[in-house]
């Protein structure tokens, strides 16, 4: 039967949407619940409403864009072959909407079951105990690879059973092609229960901001550590941060909560509840922290945290107390039982020609930064910093390639972390391919099938993986893969092609291979006797600090800024914050 779109005469399910008023701005409307009569497509006998995941500008003959659903819709028994690629997988946003529009949800394929580890069981129990005691959010800060995803799924099951919850939202990091399937496998492996799961990513948060969920899981919660972004506005709506009543329980999962206490606005509802103060009083986190004795100062770009070591220690002790001294505690941080990652520097001796090229780039950068500083041109200064880092990394591509080839010859698999595509990822990958070394690439929007590339590396088909992402992918040895397969057991080694400025980013990267009881050393490449070497030393010194609550590595950022004459730029210039 050909696909068509009908309008409903009745509404089905208890989907938490309502149609936006025709004349009012959608974002100003009340949260949506059930749609009014005649506002939704409905299937006839033997048909189903299919909500399709159609990529931007992709052809979808026969499907119709539904403005209310913000998705393409097709009504019929089975989508035709040209629409089959767009049929959404389990637990995706489109599948969530589709199941709400039909009398019965489509069955989810049986996946490979997994047995929780002891730390996942105990972690879930701690989260559930805090919720049962009346807490509204929990910070799960276990080290990368300890098993936060499984812990979260198990905790949600227990919380849902006690609260009578029905719907769960999981917000994961990019890229969706990796993170959504990862969560899907974990939900299936540990048990979805009778819950309706919706897994999306931080960059698609706007699509779910007007939906109501009973439980919300924020994976890589540090993605909302800044309140000046659209992402934060969407997060406030989804998480119920501005609501006193009917707010979902929120599970925040991140091994790197923030660079400083000032970057913890997502904890404001918990802090307001802890101090028995109105939610709105904590909307200005720096001011409220200062009222509670934290050492907050006024800086060039707003509030800053003190640089005094003793004051920092006192503030962090107070913050940890707010999270751990509740009964039961509202946070959990467990270091990796297989030990901290070993990170060492790898100096690169530049040839005379490379040295001259590097020094020329450095002098050009210094001159450009001075001009930008005098004219107070922040954008120009950020652009100069970006160009210098790209040039410095490009000069060392050959050395990185040689090091990687040596590791491959030693029967190791190599993860290469880069920040730039055209001046690092592309030339490194191409040089290795030219040398006959198979390479997986996880970078660039729509450049590769990222999950296919990851699996090539994990199965040993490619010996090297060049990637730009910092989180939400697993590259460790012996991983249990989809379909019951197991990743290769060859030792993993990692290389930062350039020193990272952010301790949060660096710690997340090392956790791609140093996880799940697999030990993986990492190296930081830098040009010998240059400012890169000094930056690398700061990175190594400060990396361990990010494991504590609130990270606290802003001192390292300040040191790096001073080394690069960039201390006049906003901190986001160094951290890459959105």
Protein backbone atom coordinates (compact mmCIF):
# COMPACT_ATOMS: atom_id res chain seq x y z
CA UNK A 1 0.00 0.00 0.00
CA UNK A 2 1.51 3.36 -0.92
CA UNK A 3 2.63 5.56 1.92
CA UNK A 4 0.46 8.48 2.89
CA UNK A 5 -0.02 10.89 5.74
CA UNK A 6 -3.34 11.06 7.55
CA UNK A 7 -4.54 13.31 10.30
CA UNK A 8 -5.67 11.75 13.55
CA UNK A 9 -9.22 11.77 14.81
CA UNK A 10 -7.98 10.43 18.11
CA UNK A 11 -4.63 10.58 19.85
CA UNK A 12 -2.73 7.58 21.13
CA UNK A 13 -0.27 7.04 23.89
CA UNK A 14 0.77 9.52 26.54
CA UNK A 15 3.47 11.29 24.61
CA UNK A 16 4.58 14.35 26.57
CA UNK A 17 4.08 16.81 23.69
CA UNK A 18 1.33 19.29 22.98
CA UNK A 19 1.05 21.26 19.79
CA UNK A 20 2.50 24.73 19.98
CA UNK A 21 -0.06 27.55 19.72
CA UNK A 22 -0.45 28.65 16.14
CA UNK A 23 0.39 32.29 16.82
CA UNK A 24 2.69 31.99 19.79
CA UNK A 25 6.42 31.33 19.46
CA UNK A 26 7.00 27.57 20.01
CA UNK A 27 9.85 28.12 22.47
CA UNK A 28 7.61 30.27 24.68
CA UNK A 29 4.84 27.68 24.89
CA UNK A 30 4.20 25.37 27.81
CA UNK A 31 5.80 21.91 27.78
CA UNK A 32 3.85 19.69 25.39
CA UNK A 33 1.85 16.62 26.42
CA UNK A 34 -0.83 14.96 24.27
CA UNK A 35 -1.57 16.58 20.93
CA UNK A 36 -5.09 17.95 20.32
CA UNK A 37 -7.47 16.10 18.03
CA UNK A 38 -6.52 16.20 14.37
CA UNK A 39 -2.90 17.27 14.95
CA UNK A 40 -1.06 13.98 14.32
CA UNK A 41 -0.70 11.33 11.63
CA UNK A 42 -2.47 8.07 12.35
CA UNK A 43 -2.26 4.62 10.81
CA UNK A 44 -5.18 2.68 9.41
CA UNK A 45 -5.80 -1.03 9.67
CA UNK A 46 -2.60 -3.00 9.01
CA UNK A 47 -0.55 0.21 8.85
CA UNK A 48 1.97 1.93 11.03
CA UNK A 49 3.18 5.50 11.42
CA UNK A 50 6.89 5.44 10.61
CA UNK A 51 8.99 8.35 11.88
CA UNK A 52 12.10 8.39 9.73
CA UNK A 53 15.66 9.55 10.45
CA UNK A 54 16.27 11.34 7.17
CA UNK A 55 19.64 13.16 6.94
CA UNK A 56 19.64 16.83 6.04
CA UNK A 57 18.74 17.38 2.37
CA UNK A 58 18.64 13.64 1.65
CA UNK A 59 15.87 12.53 -0.76
CA UNK A 60 12.92 10.83 0.95
CA UNK A 61 10.31 10.17 -1.76
CA UNK A 62 6.88 9.57 -0.30
CA UNK A 63 7.76 10.81 3.21
CA UNK A 64 6.34 14.09 4.51
CA UNK A 65 7.98 16.52 6.90
CA UNK A 66 5.94 16.94 10.06
CA UNK A 67 6.66 20.33 11.58
CA UNK A 68 5.22 19.39 14.94
CA UNK A 69 7.31 16.24 15.24
CA UNK A 70 10.34 17.83 13.57
CA UNK A 71 10.83 14.65 11.56
CA UNK A 72 9.78 12.94 8.33
CA UNK A 73 6.72 10.68 8.53
CA UNK A 74 5.46 7.85 6.31
CA UNK A 75 2.27 5.86 6.91
CA UNK A 76 1.88 2.34 5.59
CA UNK A 77 2.58 -1.32 6.28
CA UNK A 78 6.30 -1.43 5.39
CA UNK A 79 8.42 1.44 4.07
CA UNK A 80 9.50 1.09 0.43
CA UNK A 81 13.17 0.27 -0.34
CA UNK A 82 14.08 3.92 -0.93
CA UNK A 83 12.98 4.78 2.63
CA UNK A 84 14.29 1.64 4.33
CA UNK A 85 17.72 3.19 5.15
CA UNK A 86 15.96 5.85 7.19
CA UNK A 87 14.01 3.50 9.46
CA UNK A 88 15.30 4.44 12.94
CA UNK A 89 17.08 2.02 15.21
CA UNK A 90 16.06 1.16 18.77
CA UNK A 91 16.02 3.91 21.41
CA UNK A 92 16.71 6.73 18.94
CA UNK A 93 14.76 10.00 19.04
CA UNK A 94 12.80 9.12 15.90
CA UNK A 95 12.00 5.63 17.21
CA UNK A 96 10.83 7.15 20.49
CA UNK A 97 8.37 9.38 18.63
CA UNK A 98 7.29 6.53 16.38
CA UNK A 99 6.47 4.21 19.24
CA UNK A 100 4.44 6.97 20.91
CA UNK A 101 2.34 7.35 17.74
CA UNK A 102 1.45 3.67 17.43
CA UNK A 103 -0.63 1.32 19.53
CA UNK A 104 2.33 -1.00 20.09
CA UNK A 105 6.07 -0.29 19.83
CA UNK A 106 8.18 -2.12 17.31
CA UNK A 107 10.08 -4.98 18.94
CA UNK A 108 13.73 -4.42 19.78
CA UNK A 109 16.17 -7.08 18.51
CA UNK A 110 17.60 -9.23 21.27
CA UNK A 111 21.16 -8.18 21.94
CA UNK A 112 24.06 -9.80 23.71
CA UNK A 113 23.46 -9.87 27.46
CA UNK A 114 26.21 -8.71 29.80
CA UNK A 115 26.87 -9.50 33.44
CA UNK A 116 27.45 -6.33 35.49
CA UNK A 117 30.76 -5.96 37.28
CA UNK A 118 30.78 -5.59 41.05
CA UNK A 119 31.59 -1.87 40.89
CA UNK A 120 28.64 -1.31 38.52
CA UNK A 121 26.22 -3.04 40.89
CA UNK A 122 27.46 -1.11 43.93
CA UNK A 123 27.48 2.16 41.97
CA UNK A 124 23.89 1.69 40.85
CA UNK A 125 22.85 0.95 44.43
CA UNK A 126 24.48 4.18 45.65
CA UNK A 127 22.65 6.25 43.02
CA UNK A 128 19.32 4.60 43.76
CA UNK A 129 19.78 5.14 47.50
CA UNK A 130 20.32 8.87 46.99
CA UNK A 131 17.19 9.13 44.83
CA UNK A 132 15.14 7.17 47.37
CA UNK A 133 16.23 9.63 50.08
CA UNK A 134 14.72 12.51 48.10
CA UNK A 135 17.71 13.65 46.05
CA UNK A 136 16.99 15.14 42.63
CA UNK A 137 20.37 14.55 40.99
CA UNK A 138 23.53 12.48 41.36
CA UNK A 139 27.06 13.05 40.04
CA UNK A 140 28.70 9.82 38.85
CA UNK A 141 32.38 10.69 38.43
CA UNK A 142 34.13 7.33 38.06
CA UNK A 143 37.32 7.29 36.01
CA UNK A 144 37.06 6.58 32.26
CA UNK A 145 36.58 2.88 31.61
CA UNK A 146 35.28 1.95 35.06
CA UNK A 147 31.84 1.30 33.57
CA UNK A 148 29.68 4.41 34.03
CA UNK A 149 27.33 3.43 31.20
CA UNK A 150 26.39 0.09 32.74
CA UNK A 151 26.18 1.66 36.19
CA UNK A 152 23.77 4.27 34.83
CA UNK A 153 21.49 1.72 33.13
CA UNK A 154 21.30 -0.40 36.28
CA UNK A 155 20.59 2.67 38.43
CA UNK A 156 17.82 3.85 36.10
CA UNK A 157 16.13 0.46 36.37
CA UNK A 158 16.00 0.72 40.17
CA UNK A 159 14.96 4.36 40.21
CA UNK A 160 12.21 3.76 37.65
CA UNK A 161 10.85 0.84 39.65
CA UNK A 162 10.57 2.96 42.80
CA UNK A 163 9.16 6.08 41.09
CA UNK A 164 6.92 4.30 38.63
CA UNK A 165 8.86 5.99 35.84
CA UNK A 166 8.01 5.37 32.22
CA UNK A 167 10.35 7.46 30.04
CA UNK A 168 14.14 7.92 30.13
CA UNK A 169 16.26 10.40 28.19
CA UNK A 170 19.97 9.76 27.64
CA UNK A 171 22.04 12.67 26.30
CA UNK A 172 25.37 11.42 24.94
CA UNK A 173 28.37 13.04 23.34
CA UNK A 174 29.01 13.22 19.60
CA UNK A 175 29.33 11.54 17.15
CA UNK A 176 25.85 10.02 17.17
CA UNK A 177 26.96 7.25 14.82
CA UNK A 178 29.08 5.87 17.68
CA UNK A 179 27.50 7.05 20.91
CA UNK A 180 23.87 6.17 20.15
CA UNK A 181 24.69 2.54 19.14
CA UNK A 182 26.97 2.29 22.19
CA UNK A 183 24.14 3.24 24.54
CA UNK A 184 21.70 1.07 22.62
CA UNK A 185 23.91 -1.99 23.11
CA UNK A 186 24.39 -1.20 26.80
CA UNK A 187 20.66 -0.70 27.42
CA UNK A 188 19.91 -4.00 25.68
CA UNK A 189 22.78 -5.78 27.42
CA UNK A 190 21.86 -4.68 30.95
CA UNK A 191 18.11 -4.62 30.42
CA UNK A 192 15.75 -1.96 29.10
CA UNK A 193 12.93 -3.14 31.33
CA UNK A 194 9.50 -1.75 30.51
CA UNK A 195 10.92 1.74 30.05
CA UNK A 196 10.74 3.93 26.98
CA UNK A 197 14.33 5.02 26.28
CA UNK A 198 15.32 7.94 24.05
CA UNK A 199 19.02 8.36 23.30
CA UNK A 200 20.16 11.58 21.66
CA UNK A 201 23.30 13.74 21.58
CA UNK A 202 24.15 17.14 22.97
CA UNK A 203 24.03 18.75 19.53
CA UNK A 204 20.45 17.50 19.00
CA UNK A 205 19.18 18.60 22.39
CA UNK A 206 16.86 21.20 20.84
CA UNK A 207 14.71 18.41 19.38
CA UNK A 208 13.80 17.06 22.82
CA UNK A 209 13.73 20.25 24.87
CA UNK A 210 9.92 20.39 24.89
CA UNK A 211 9.48 16.75 25.91
CA UNK A 212 9.04 15.61 29.48
CA UNK A 213 10.96 12.61 30.79
CA UNK A 214 10.85 10.87 34.17
CA UNK A 215 14.60 10.22 34.34
CA UNK A 216 17.37 12.06 32.50
CA UNK A 217 20.94 10.75 32.11
CA UNK A 218 23.57 13.29 31.07
CA UNK A 219 26.59 11.44 29.71
CA UNK A 220 29.72 13.65 29.60
CA UNK A 221 27.85 16.18 31.74
CA UNK A 222 30.75 18.64 31.51
CA UNK A 223 29.33 19.54 28.10
CA UNK A 224 27.00 21.95 29.94
CA UNK A 225 29.54 23.62 32.18
CA UNK A 226 28.98 27.01 30.52
CA UNK A 227 25.72 28.95 30.83
CA UNK A 228 26.24 31.21 27.82
CA UNK A 229 25.41 28.60 25.18
CA UNK A 230 22.21 27.48 23.47
CA UNK A 231 23.04 24.00 24.70
CA UNK A 232 22.69 25.20 28.28
CA UNK A 233 19.27 26.72 27.60
CA UNK A 234 18.06 23.46 26.08
CA UNK A 235 19.55 21.50 28.98
CA UNK A 236 17.71 23.63 31.56
CA UNK A 237 14.42 22.82 29.85
CA UNK A 238 15.13 19.09 29.48
CA UNK A 239 16.55 18.56 32.96
CA UNK A 240 13.93 20.65 34.76
CA UNK A 241 16.67 22.74 36.38
CA UNK A 242 14.30 25.68 36.71
CA UNK A 243 11.39 23.66 38.12
CA UNK A 244 10.67 22.88 41.73
CA UNK A 245 7.87 20.39 41.06
CA UNK A 246 7.61 17.55 38.56
CA UNK A 247 11.33 17.63 37.79
CA UNK A 248 12.94 14.41 36.55
CA UNK A 249 15.64 12.65 38.46
CA UNK A 250 18.93 13.61 36.79
CA UNK A 251 21.99 11.36 36.68
CA UNK A 252 25.11 13.29 35.68
CA UNK A 253 27.95 11.11 34.43
CA UNK A 254 31.43 12.49 33.76
CA UNK A 255 34.97 11.62 34.82
CA UNK A 256 35.95 15.29 34.39
CA UNK A 257 33.27 17.51 35.94
CA UNK A 258 34.87 20.91 35.27
CA UNK A 259 38.02 23.00 35.30
CA UNK A 260 36.83 24.87 38.40
CA UNK A 261 33.82 25.11 40.76
CA UNK A 262 32.52 28.00 38.63
CA UNK A 263 31.88 25.51 35.80
CA UNK A 264 29.32 23.47 37.74
CA UNK A 265 26.02 25.24 36.98
CA UNK A 266 24.46 21.87 36.19
CA UNK A 267 24.77 21.02 39.91
CA UNK A 268 22.84 24.14 40.98
CA UNK A 269 19.53 22.29 41.65
CA UNK A 270 21.32 19.91 44.02
CA UNK A 271 23.14 22.76 45.77
CA UNK A 272 19.90 24.72 46.16
CA UNK A 273 18.21 21.65 47.64
CA UNK A 274 21.19 20.98 49.92
CA UNK A 275 21.11 24.51 51.38
CA UNK A 276 17.30 24.71 51.37
CA UNK A 277 17.41 27.77 49.14
CA UNK A 278 15.27 28.76 46.13
CA UNK A 279 16.39 27.45 42.75
CA UNK A 280 16.50 30.93 41.27
CA UNK A 281 19.00 31.97 43.95
CA UNK A 282 21.53 29.58 42.40
CA UNK A 283 21.03 30.77 38.83
CA UNK A 284 24.11 32.97 39.35
CA UNK A 285 26.53 30.29 40.51
CA UNK A 286 29.66 32.46 41.02
CA UNK A 287 27.77 34.93 43.21
CA UNK A 288 26.21 32.17 45.26
CA UNK A 289 29.53 30.39 45.75
CA UNK A 290 31.07 33.64 46.93
CA UNK A 291 28.26 34.03 49.46
CA UNK A 292 29.15 30.59 50.80
CA UNK A 293 32.80 31.52 51.30
CA UNK A 294 34.35 30.41 48.00
CA UNK A 295 37.22 32.53 46.76
CA UNK A 296 35.66 34.04 43.66
CA UNK A 297 37.24 37.08 42.04
CA UNK A 298 36.31 39.46 39.28
CA UNK A 299 38.36 38.97 36.12
CA UNK A 300 38.60 40.45 32.65
CA UNK A 301 35.88 38.15 31.37
CA UNK A 302 33.69 37.87 34.45
CA UNK A 303 34.10 35.85 37.62
CA UNK A 304 37.26 33.80 38.10
CA UNK A 305 38.48 31.36 40.68
CA UNK A 306 41.37 32.24 42.96
CA UNK A 307 44.89 31.18 41.98
CA UNK A 308 46.00 30.84 45.62
CA UNK A 309 46.73 27.13 46.27
CA UNK A 310 45.53 27.18 49.89
CA UNK A 311 42.29 28.91 48.95
CA UNK A 312 41.74 26.44 46.15
CA UNK A 313 42.21 23.48 48.47
CA UNK A 314 39.72 24.96 50.95
CA UNK A 315 37.14 25.56 48.23
CA UNK A 316 37.49 22.06 46.79
CA UNK A 317 37.20 20.55 50.27
CA UNK A 318 33.98 22.48 50.84
CA UNK A 319 32.58 21.45 47.46
CA UNK A 320 33.39 17.78 47.99
CA UNK A 321 31.76 18.00 51.39
CA UNK A 322 28.55 19.28 49.82
CA UNK A 323 28.49 16.20 47.60
CA UNK A 324 29.86 13.46 49.86
CA UNK A 325 28.59 14.46 53.30
CA UNK A 326 24.92 14.11 52.41
CA UNK A 327 23.16 11.00 53.68
CA UNK A 328 23.40 9.10 51.44
CA UNK A 329 26.13 10.78 49.33
CA UNK A 330 25.18 12.55 46.10
CA UNK A 331 28.35 11.69 44.22
CA UNK A 332 30.61 8.75 43.55
CA UNK A 333 34.17 8.87 42.26
CA UNK A 334 36.19 5.68 41.96
CA UNK A 335 39.61 5.58 40.37
CA UNK A 336 40.35 2.94 37.79
CA UNK A 337 41.38 -0.22 39.67
CA UNK A 338 43.98 -0.94 37.00
CA UNK A 339 45.81 2.30 37.90
CA UNK A 340 46.25 5.78 36.51
CA UNK A 341 47.31 6.20 32.91
CA UNK A 342 51.01 6.81 32.36
CA UNK A 343 51.54 9.96 30.30
CA UNK A 344 55.06 10.98 29.25
CA UNK A 345 56.53 13.53 26.89
CA UNK A 346 58.07 12.67 23.53
CA UNK A 347 60.40 15.44 22.33
CA UNK A 348 60.86 15.81 18.58
CA UNK A 349 64.25 17.08 17.40
CA UNK A 350 63.54 19.43 14.52
CA UNK A 351 65.82 19.55 11.48
CA UNK A 352 67.47 22.93 10.74
CA UNK A 353 64.87 23.61 8.08
CA UNK A 354 62.01 22.64 10.40
CA UNK A 355 63.53 24.73 13.19
CA UNK A 356 63.67 27.78 10.95
CA UNK A 357 60.08 27.18 9.86
CA UNK A 358 58.95 26.80 13.46
CA UNK A 359 60.76 29.92 14.67
CA UNK A 360 59.34 31.90 11.78
CA UNK A 361 55.83 30.80 12.70
CA UNK A 362 56.44 31.62 16.37
CA UNK A 363 57.67 35.14 15.64
CA UNK A 364 54.75 35.74 13.29
CA UNK A 365 52.36 34.53 15.98
CA UNK A 366 53.92 36.78 18.65
CA UNK A 367 53.63 39.83 16.43
CA UNK A 368 50.02 39.06 15.52
CA UNK A 369 49.07 38.50 19.17
CA UNK A 370 50.63 41.79 20.23
CA UNK A 371 48.68 43.66 17.56
CA UNK A 372 45.48 41.91 18.56
CA UNK A 373 46.08 42.62 22.25
CA UNK A 374 46.68 46.33 21.70
CA UNK A 375 43.55 46.62 19.57
CA UNK A 376 41.58 44.40 21.99
CA UNK A 377 40.57 42.20 19.06
CA UNK A 378 39.68 38.90 20.72
CA UNK A 379 38.66 37.15 17.50
CA UNK A 380 41.95 38.09 15.84
CA UNK A 381 43.89 36.76 18.82
CA UNK A 382 42.02 33.46 18.80
CA UNK A 383 42.60 33.09 15.07
CA UNK A 384 46.34 33.73 15.52
CA UNK A 385 46.53 31.10 18.26
CA UNK A 386 44.71 28.60 16.07
CA UNK A 387 46.98 29.22 13.06
CA UNK A 388 50.15 28.84 15.13
CA UNK A 389 49.01 25.54 16.64
CA UNK A 390 48.10 24.24 13.19
CA UNK A 391 51.46 25.22 11.71
CA UNK A 392 53.39 23.77 14.65
CA UNK A 393 51.56 20.46 14.34
CA UNK A 394 52.02 20.28 10.57
CA UNK A 395 55.79 20.64 10.94
CA UNK A 396 55.92 17.51 13.11
CA UNK A 397 53.73 15.25 10.97
CA UNK A 398 56.68 13.28 9.59
CA UNK A 399 58.02 12.56 13.08
CA UNK A 400 54.61 11.35 14.27
CA UNK A 401 54.30 9.06 11.26
CA UNK A 402 57.74 7.56 11.89
CA UNK A 403 56.93 6.94 15.57
CA UNK A 404 53.60 5.31 14.70
CA UNK A 405 55.25 3.03 12.12
CA UNK A 406 57.78 1.89 14.72
CA UNK A 407 54.99 1.02 17.16
CA UNK A 408 53.13 -0.96 14.49
CA UNK A 409 56.32 -2.86 13.66
CA UNK A 410 56.55 -3.70 17.39
CA UNK A 411 53.10 -5.35 17.08
CA UNK A 412 51.19 -2.62 18.88
CA UNK A 413 48.05 -0.78 17.84
CA UNK A 414 48.27 2.99 17.96
CA UNK A 415 45.65 5.61 18.80
CA UNK A 416 46.65 9.07 17.56
CA UNK A 417 44.75 12.01 19.03
CA UNK A 418 44.71 15.18 16.92
CA UNK A 419 42.78 18.45 17.14
CA UNK A 420 42.94 19.61 13.53
CA UNK A 421 41.94 17.83 10.36
CA UNK A 422 43.70 19.46 7.41
CA UNK A 423 47.02 20.09 9.20
CA UNK A 424 47.20 16.89 11.24
CA UNK A 425 44.61 14.13 10.74
CA UNK A 426 44.63 14.13 6.94
CA UNK A 427 48.41 14.32 6.39
CA UNK A 428 49.15 11.74 9.11
CA UNK A 429 46.58 9.31 7.76
CA UNK A 430 47.65 9.76 4.15
CA UNK A 431 51.35 9.32 4.94
CA UNK A 432 50.63 6.09 6.80
CA UNK A 433 48.44 4.79 3.98
CA UNK A 434 51.21 5.63 1.49
CA UNK A 435 53.56 3.56 3.67
CA UNK A 436 51.19 0.60 3.51
CA UNK A 437 49.89 0.94 7.07
CA UNK A 438 46.09 0.46 7.35
CA UNK A 439 44.50 3.41 9.17
CA UNK A 440 41.07 4.09 10.63
CA UNK A 441 39.85 7.68 10.63
CA UNK A 442 37.34 9.03 13.14
CA UNK A 443 37.18 12.70 12.30
CA UNK A 444 35.48 15.15 9.99
CA UNK A 445 31.73 15.42 9.64
CA UNK A 446 30.42 12.78 7.24
CA UNK A 447 33.96 11.83 6.16
CA UNK A 448 33.78 8.21 7.30
CA UNK A 449 31.39 5.65 8.70
CA UNK A 450 32.76 6.16 12.19
CA UNK A 451 31.51 2.94 13.72
CA UNK A 452 32.83 0.92 10.79
CA UNK A 453 36.20 2.67 11.14
CA UNK A 454 36.26 1.99 14.88
CA UNK A 455 35.51 -1.68 14.36
CA UNK A 456 38.27 -1.95 11.74
CA UNK A 457 40.71 -0.78 14.38
CA UNK A 458 39.22 -2.89 17.16
CA UNK A 459 39.38 -6.07 15.12
CA UNK A 460 42.96 -5.35 14.08
CA UNK A 461 42.15 -4.85 10.41
CA UNK A 462 43.68 -1.39 10.73
CA UNK A 463 46.60 -0.97 13.11
CA UNK A 464 46.23 2.78 13.62
CA UNK A 465 43.30 5.04 14.49
CA UNK A 466 43.55 8.80 13.94
CA UNK A 467 40.75 10.61 15.74
CA UNK A 468 39.61 14.05 16.87
CA UNK A 469 36.86 13.11 19.34
CA UNK A 470 37.65 13.17 23.04
CA UNK A 471 35.00 10.88 24.49
CA UNK A 472 32.37 8.21 23.92
CA UNK A 473 34.42 5.79 21.82
CA UNK A 474 36.16 2.62 22.98
CA UNK A 475 39.50 1.67 21.46
CA UNK A 476 40.82 -0.61 24.20
CA UNK A 477 42.11 -4.14 23.77
CA UNK A 478 39.81 -7.09 24.36
CA UNK A 479 36.57 -5.10 24.15
CA UNK A 480 33.39 -7.12 23.75
CA UNK A 481 32.11 -6.12 20.31
CA UNK A 482 28.62 -6.31 18.79
CA UNK A 483 27.63 -9.81 17.72
CA UNK A 484 29.66 -11.51 20.43
CA UNK A 485 33.03 -10.78 18.84
CA UNK A 486 36.05 -9.66 20.85
CA UNK A 487 38.46 -6.88 19.97
CA UNK A 488 42.08 -7.73 19.26
CA UNK A 489 44.31 -8.11 22.29
CA UNK A 490 47.33 -6.33 20.82
CA UNK A 491 48.64 -3.73 23.31
CA UNK A 492 47.34 -0.20 22.72
CA UNK A 493 49.57 2.86 22.88
CA UNK A 494 48.40 6.42 22.45
CA UNK A 495 49.97 9.60 21.13
CA UNK A 496 48.85 13.19 21.48
CA UNK A 497 50.10 14.73 18.26
CA UNK A 498 50.01 18.07 20.10
CA UNK A 499 49.77 18.98 23.79
CA UNK A 500 46.18 19.67 24.77
CA UNK A 501 45.43 22.79 26.77
CA UNK A 502 42.42 21.38 28.60
CA UNK A 503 42.99 18.78 31.29
CA UNK A 504 39.39 17.64 30.80
CA UNK A 505 39.99 16.93 27.12
CA UNK A 506 43.30 15.20 27.75
CA UNK A 507 41.95 12.93 30.46
CA UNK A 508 38.98 11.99 28.31
CA UNK A 509 41.27 11.08 25.41
CA UNK A 510 43.49 8.77 27.44
CA UNK A 511 40.37 6.94 28.59
CA UNK A 512 39.69 5.75 25.03
CA UNK A 513 42.37 3.05 25.33
CA UNK A 514 43.22 2.99 29.05
CA UNK A 515 39.91 1.47 30.17
CA UNK A 516 38.10 -1.66 31.28
CA UNK A 517 41.18 -3.12 33.00
CA UNK A 518 43.35 -2.55 29.92
CA UNK A 519 46.51 -0.56 30.60
CA UNK A 520 47.54 1.79 27.81
CA UNK A 521 50.40 4.31 28.09
CA UNK A 522 50.19 7.66 26.30
CA UNK A 523 52.82 10.06 24.98
CA UNK A 524 52.69 13.76 24.19
CA UNK A 525 54.66 14.84 21.13
CA UNK A 526 56.22 18.31 21.10
CA UNK A 527 58.97 20.20 19.33
CA UNK A 528 62.10 20.13 21.48
CA UNK A 529 63.25 23.44 23.03
CA UNK A 530 60.11 25.33 22.03
CA UNK A 531 57.05 26.72 23.78
CA UNK A 532 55.35 23.39 22.92
CA UNK A 533 57.70 21.64 25.32
CA UNK A 534 56.74 23.99 28.14
CA UNK A 535 53.04 23.52 27.39
CA UNK A 536 53.50 19.72 27.41
CA UNK A 537 55.14 19.88 30.84
CA UNK A 538 52.19 21.85 32.21
CA UNK A 539 49.80 19.34 30.67
CA UNK A 540 51.53 16.38 32.34
CA UNK A 541 51.68 18.19 35.69
CA UNK A 542 48.01 19.14 35.66
CA UNK A 543 46.50 16.04 34.06
CA UNK A 544 46.10 14.15 37.33
CA UNK A 545 44.17 17.03 38.93
CA UNK A 546 41.17 16.55 36.66
CA UNK A 547 40.20 13.38 38.45
CA UNK A 548 38.98 15.30 41.49
CA UNK A 549 35.59 16.94 41.83
CA UNK A 550 35.52 20.15 39.76
CA UNK A 551 38.82 19.33 38.06
CA UNK A 552 40.64 22.33 39.42
CA UNK A 553 43.21 22.61 36.60
CA UNK A 554 42.56 26.30 35.88
CA UNK A 555 46.02 27.04 37.21
CA UNK A 556 47.41 24.98 34.34
CA UNK A 557 45.30 26.91 31.85
CA UNK A 558 46.63 30.17 33.25
CA UNK A 559 50.22 28.96 32.92
CA UNK A 560 49.65 27.93 29.30
CA UNK A 561 47.99 31.26 28.51
CA UNK A 562 50.98 33.14 29.89
CA UNK A 563 53.43 30.99 27.91
CA UNK A 564 51.56 31.84 24.71
CA UNK A 565 50.97 35.53 25.52
CA UNK A 566 47.28 34.64 25.43
CA UNK A 567 46.38 35.43 29.04
CA UNK A 568 44.27 38.34 27.79
CA UNK A 569 41.98 36.01 25.84
CA UNK A 570 38.89 34.37 27.39
CA UNK A 571 39.53 30.88 28.83
CA UNK A 572 37.37 29.36 26.09
CA UNK A 573 40.18 30.17 23.65
CA UNK A 574 42.25 27.48 25.37
CA UNK A 575 39.62 24.95 26.39
CA UNK A 576 37.69 24.99 23.15
CA UNK A 577 34.43 25.37 25.06
CA UNK A 578 31.28 25.97 23.04
